[in-house]
C-alpha atoms as a PDB file:
ATOM      1  CA  UNK A   1       0.000   0.000   0.000  1.00  0.00           C
ATOM      2  CA  UNK A   2       1.284   3.463  -0.821  1.00  0.00           C
ATOM      3  CA  UNK A   3       1.127   6.034   1.942  1.00  0.00           C
ATOM      4  CA  UNK A   4       1.233   9.812   1.499  1.00  0.00           C
ATOM      5  CA  UNK A   5       4.401  11.684   2.442  1.00  0.00           C
ATOM      6  CA  UNK A   6       2.401  13.578   5.076  1.00  0.00           C
ATOM      7  CA  UNK A   7       1.415  10.421   7.005  1.00  0.00           C
ATOM      8  CA  UNK A   8       3.723  11.490   9.857  1.00  0.00           C
ATOM      9  CA  UNK A   9       1.645  14.645  10.364  1.00  0.00           C
ATOM     10  CA  UNK A  10      -1.824  13.113  10.058  1.00  0.00           C
ATOM     11  CA  UNK A  11      -4.006  12.811  13.172  1.00  0.00           C
ATOM     12  CA  UNK A  12      -4.161   9.271  14.544  1.00  0.00           C
ATOM     13  CA  UNK A  13      -7.933   8.944  14.005  1.00  0.00           C
ATOM     14  CA  UNK A  14      -7.539   9.918  10.342  1.00  0.00           C
ATOM     15  CA  UNK A  15      -4.804   7.328   9.787  1.00  0.00           C
ATOM     16  CA  UNK A  16      -6.961   4.696  11.479  1.00  0.00           C
ATOM     17  CA  UNK A  17     -10.045   5.563   9.434  1.00  0.00           C
ATOM     18  CA  UNK A  18      -8.294   5.822   6.044  1.00  0.00           C
ATOM     19  CA  UNK A  19      -5.433   3.314   6.259  1.00  0.00           C
ATOM     20  CA  UNK A  20      -6.288   1.091   9.229  1.00  0.00           C
ATOM     21  CA  UNK A  21      -3.667  -1.120  10.845  1.00  0.00           C
ATOM     22  CA  UNK A  22      -1.295  -0.883   7.866  1.00  0.00           C
ATOM     23  CA  UNK A  23      -1.233   2.909   8.143  1.00  0.00           C
ATOM     24  CA  UNK A  24      -0.640   2.812  11.887  1.00  0.00           C
ATOM     25  CA  UNK A  25       2.197   0.306  11.425  1.00  0.00           C
ATOM     26  CA  UNK A  26       3.779   2.637   8.853  1.00  0.00           C
ATOM     27  CA  UNK A  27       3.383   5.656  11.147  1.00  0.00           C
ATOM     28  CA  UNK A  28       4.996   3.644  13.966  1.00  0.00           C
ATOM     29  CA  UNK A  29       7.866   2.737  11.623  1.00  0.00           C
ATOM     30  CA  UNK A  30       8.345   6.431  10.797  1.00  0.00           C
ATOM     31  CA  UNK A  31       8.336   7.345  14.501  1.00  0.00           C
ATOM     32  CA  UNK A  32      11.005   4.822  15.446  1.00  0.00           C
ATOM     33  CA  UNK A  33      13.403   5.769  12.623  1.00  0.00           C
ATOM     34  CA  UNK A  34      15.182   8.078  15.078  1.00  0.00           C
ATOM     35  CA  UNK A  35      16.246   5.127  17.249  1.00  0.00           C
ATOM     36  CA  UNK A  36      19.403   3.091  16.574  1.00  0.00           C
ATOM     37  CA  UNK A  37      19.148  -0.231  14.723  1.00  0.00           C
ATOM     38  CA  UNK A  38      19.133  -2.380  17.871  1.00  0.00           C
ATOM     39  CA  UNK A  39      16.368  -0.279  19.417  1.00  0.00           C
ATOM     40  CA  UNK A  40      14.280  -0.380  16.233  1.00  0.00           C
ATOM     41  CA  UNK A  41      14.665  -4.160  16.188  1.00  0.00           C
ATOM     42  CA  UNK A  42      13.557  -4.377  19.825  1.00  0.00           C
ATOM     43  CA  UNK A  43      10.523  -2.182  19.170  1.00  0.00           C
ATOM     44  CA  UNK A  44       9.686  -4.232  16.085  1.00  0.00           C
ATOM     45  CA  UNK A  45       9.930  -7.440  18.113  1.00  0.00           C
ATOM     46  CA  UNK A  46       7.614  -5.958  20.746  1.00  0.00           C
ATOM     47  CA  UNK A  47       5.119  -5.027  18.018  1.00  0.00           C
ATOM     48  CA  UNK A  48       5.283  -8.554  16.614  1.00  0.00           C
ATOM     49  CA  UNK A  49       4.664 -10.000  20.084  1.00  0.00           C
ATOM     50  CA  UNK A  50       1.734  -7.622  20.697  1.00  0.00           C
ATOM     51  CA  UNK A  51       0.245  -8.550  17.312  1.00  0.00           C
ATOM     52  CA  UNK A  52       0.521 -12.233  18.217  1.00  0.00           C
ATOM     53  CA  UNK A  53      -0.901 -11.831  21.726  1.00  0.00           C
ATOM     54  CA  UNK A  54      -3.855  -9.722  20.550  1.00  0.00           C
ATOM     55  CA  UNK A  55      -4.506 -11.261  17.123  1.00  0.00           C
ATOM     56  CA  UNK A  56      -8.090 -12.203  18.051  1.00  0.00           C
ATOM     57  CA  UNK A  57      -8.859  -9.208  20.287  1.00  0.00           C
ATOM     58  CA  UNK A  58     -11.153  -6.383  19.214  1.00  0.00           C
ATOM     59  CA  UNK A  59     -11.664  -2.917  20.635  1.00  0.00           C
ATOM     60  CA  UNK A  60     -15.058  -1.546  19.666  1.00  0.00           C
ATOM     61  CA  UNK A  61     -15.012  -2.126  15.886  1.00  0.00           C
ATOM     62  CA  UNK A  62     -11.315  -2.512  15.150  1.00  0.00           C
ATOM     63  CA  UNK A  63      -8.397  -4.812  15.981  1.00  0.00           C
ATOM     64  CA  UNK A  64      -7.047  -4.154  19.482  1.00  0.00           C
ATOM     65  CA  UNK A  65      -3.571  -3.804  17.960  1.00  0.00           C
ATOM     66  CA  UNK A  66      -4.651  -0.468  16.461  1.00  0.00           C
ATOM     67  CA  UNK A  67      -5.133   0.902  19.983  1.00  0.00           C
ATOM     68  CA  UNK A  68      -1.706  -0.358  21.061  1.00  0.00           C
ATOM     69  CA  UNK A  69      -0.082   1.233  18.004  1.00  0.00           C
ATOM     70  CA  UNK A  70      -1.748   4.591  18.699  1.00  0.00           C
ATOM     71  CA  UNK A  71      -0.527   4.497  22.319  1.00  0.00           C
ATOM     72  CA  UNK A  72       3.041   3.689  21.233  1.00  0.00           C
ATOM     73  CA  UNK A  73       2.977   6.455  18.597  1.00  0.00           C
ATOM     74  CA  UNK A  74       1.681   9.006  21.098  1.00  0.00           C
ATOM     75  CA  UNK A  75       4.376   8.062  23.599  1.00  0.00           C
ATOM     76  CA  UNK A  76       7.205   8.367  21.071  1.00  0.00           C
ATOM     77  CA  UNK A  77       5.887  11.371  19.140  1.00  0.00           C
ATOM     78  CA  UNK A  78       3.783  13.588  21.381  1.00  0.00           C
ATOM     79  CA  UNK A  79       5.565  12.856  24.676  1.00  0.00           C
ATOM     80  CA  UNK A  80       8.975  12.547  22.942  1.00  0.00           C
ATOM     81  CA  UNK A  81       9.992   9.553  25.032  1.00  0.00           C
ATOM     82  CA  UNK A  82      13.423   8.288  23.984  1.00  0.00           C
ATOM     83  CA  UNK A  83      13.628   5.343  26.396  1.00  0.00           C
ATOM     84  CA  UNK A  84      13.178   2.331  24.139  1.00  0.00           C
ATOM     85  CA  UNK A  85      11.671   0.302  27.018  1.00  0.00           C
ATOM     86  CA  UNK A  86       8.712   2.640  27.541  1.00  0.00           C
ATOM     87  CA  UNK A  87       6.675   2.414  24.285  1.00  0.00           C
ATOM     88  CA  UNK A  88       6.326  -1.385  24.180  1.00  0.00           C
ATOM     89  CA  UNK A  89       5.748  -1.663  27.929  1.00  0.00           C
ATOM     90  CA  UNK A  90       3.066   0.985  28.040  1.00  0.00           C
ATOM     91  CA  UNK A  91       1.481   0.012  24.764  1.00  0.00           C
ATOM     92  CA  UNK A  92       1.215  -3.645  25.726  1.00  0.00           C
ATOM     93  CA  UNK A  93      -1.081  -2.905  28.733  1.00  0.00           C
ATOM     94  CA  UNK A  94      -0.046  -6.257  30.139  1.00  0.00           C
ATOM     95  CA  UNK A  95      -1.545  -7.344  33.456  1.00  0.00           C
ATOM     96  CA  UNK A  96       0.687  -9.041  36.035  1.00  0.00           C
ATOM     97  CA  UNK A  97       1.434 -12.713  35.517  1.00  0.00           C
ATOM     98  CA  UNK A  98      -0.217 -15.048  38.018  1.00  0.00           C
ATOM     99  CA  UNK A  99       1.035 -18.570  38.718  1.00  0.00           C
ATOM    100  CA  UNK A 100      -1.045 -21.134  36.875  1.00  0.00           C
ATOM    101  CA  UNK A 101      -2.818 -18.522  34.762  1.00  0.00           C
ATOM    102  CA  UNK A 102      -1.748 -16.719  31.610  1.00  0.00           C
ATOM    103  CA  UNK A 103      -0.746 -13.075  31.811  1.00  0.00           C
ATOM    104  CA  UNK A 104      -3.333 -12.348  29.147  1.00  0.00           C
ATOM    105  CA  UNK A 105      -6.956 -13.369  29.676  1.00  0.00           C
ATOM    106  CA  UNK A 106      -7.704 -16.610  27.902  1.00  0.00           C
ATOM    107  CA  UNK A 107      -4.040 -17.558  27.561  1.00  0.00           C
ATOM    108  CA  UNK A 108      -3.663 -21.222  28.520  1.00  0.00           C
ATOM    109  CA  UNK A 109       0.067 -20.891  29.213  1.00  0.00           C
ATOM    110  CA  UNK A 110       1.113 -20.327  32.820  1.00  0.00           C
ATOM    111  CA  UNK A 111       2.029 -16.835  33.955  1.00  0.00           C
ATOM    112  CA  UNK A 112       5.755 -17.434  34.601  1.00  0.00           C
ATOM    113  CA  UNK A 113       6.250 -18.866  31.099  1.00  0.00           C
ATOM    114  CA  UNK A 114       4.486 -15.863  29.633  1.00  0.00           C
ATOM    115  CA  UNK A 115       6.679 -13.595  31.753  1.00  0.00           C
ATOM    116  CA  UNK A 116       9.818 -15.150  30.286  1.00  0.00           C
ATOM    117  CA  UNK A 117       8.421 -14.748  26.770  1.00  0.00           C
ATOM    118  CA  UNK A 118       7.596 -11.112  27.391  1.00  0.00           C
ATOM    119  CA  UNK A 119      10.966 -10.415  29.027  1.00  0.00           C
ATOM    120  CA  UNK A 120      12.783 -11.906  26.036  1.00  0.00           C
ATOM    121  CA  UNK A 121      10.907  -9.483  23.762  1.00  0.00           C
ATOM    122  CA  UNK A 122      11.923  -6.566  25.988  1.00  0.00           C
ATOM    123  CA  UNK A 123       8.491  -5.851  27.404  1.00  0.00           C
ATOM    124  CA  UNK A 124       8.283  -5.530  31.184  1.00  0.00           C
ATOM    125  CA  UNK A 125       5.467  -6.900  33.302  1.00  0.00           C
ATOM    126  CA  UNK A 126       3.869  -4.932  36.132  1.00  0.00           C
ATOM    127  CA  UNK A 127       5.562  -5.709  39.425  1.00  0.00           C
ATOM    128  CA  UNK A 128       8.703  -7.066  37.770  1.00  0.00           C
ATOM    129  CA  UNK A 129      12.117  -5.343  37.514  1.00  0.00           C
ATOM    130  CA  UNK A 130      12.621  -3.397  34.301  1.00  0.00           C
ATOM    131  CA  UNK A 131       9.025  -2.154  34.026  1.00  0.00           C
ATOM    132  CA  UNK A 132       9.049   1.431  32.765  1.00  0.00           C
ATOM    133  CA  UNK A 133       6.081   3.715  33.468  1.00  0.00           C
ATOM    134  CA  UNK A 134       5.053   7.203  32.445  1.00  0.00           C
ATOM    135  CA  UNK A 135       4.113   8.537  35.866  1.00  0.00           C
END
């Protein structure tokens, strides 16, 4: 899909309405260009993980991933956060892992296993070391 050169200046709701998830992914890619290669890879891995975790989730009438992308874009663009750990952690909205239960509702895998998966992707879990917050 071809995107206009002014995509980086479009309001988030307009990108969502006109281009959907593909447009938001492109806007996210534009926002993270300022990070070094390793950081871009880490953010890309976090996006891939979020897409996998929320592949069947909906928010109102759209994929839940669109909401996560808008949050990550706002954090990097509007709040100018340069800490590569903050956008994926905040965008993921992950609840704490609980023994014997998945960190994400409906996840059959146990919480600790999910925690290791999330930690490998660079996304912190509430109550665990390395969790970055915008407070």
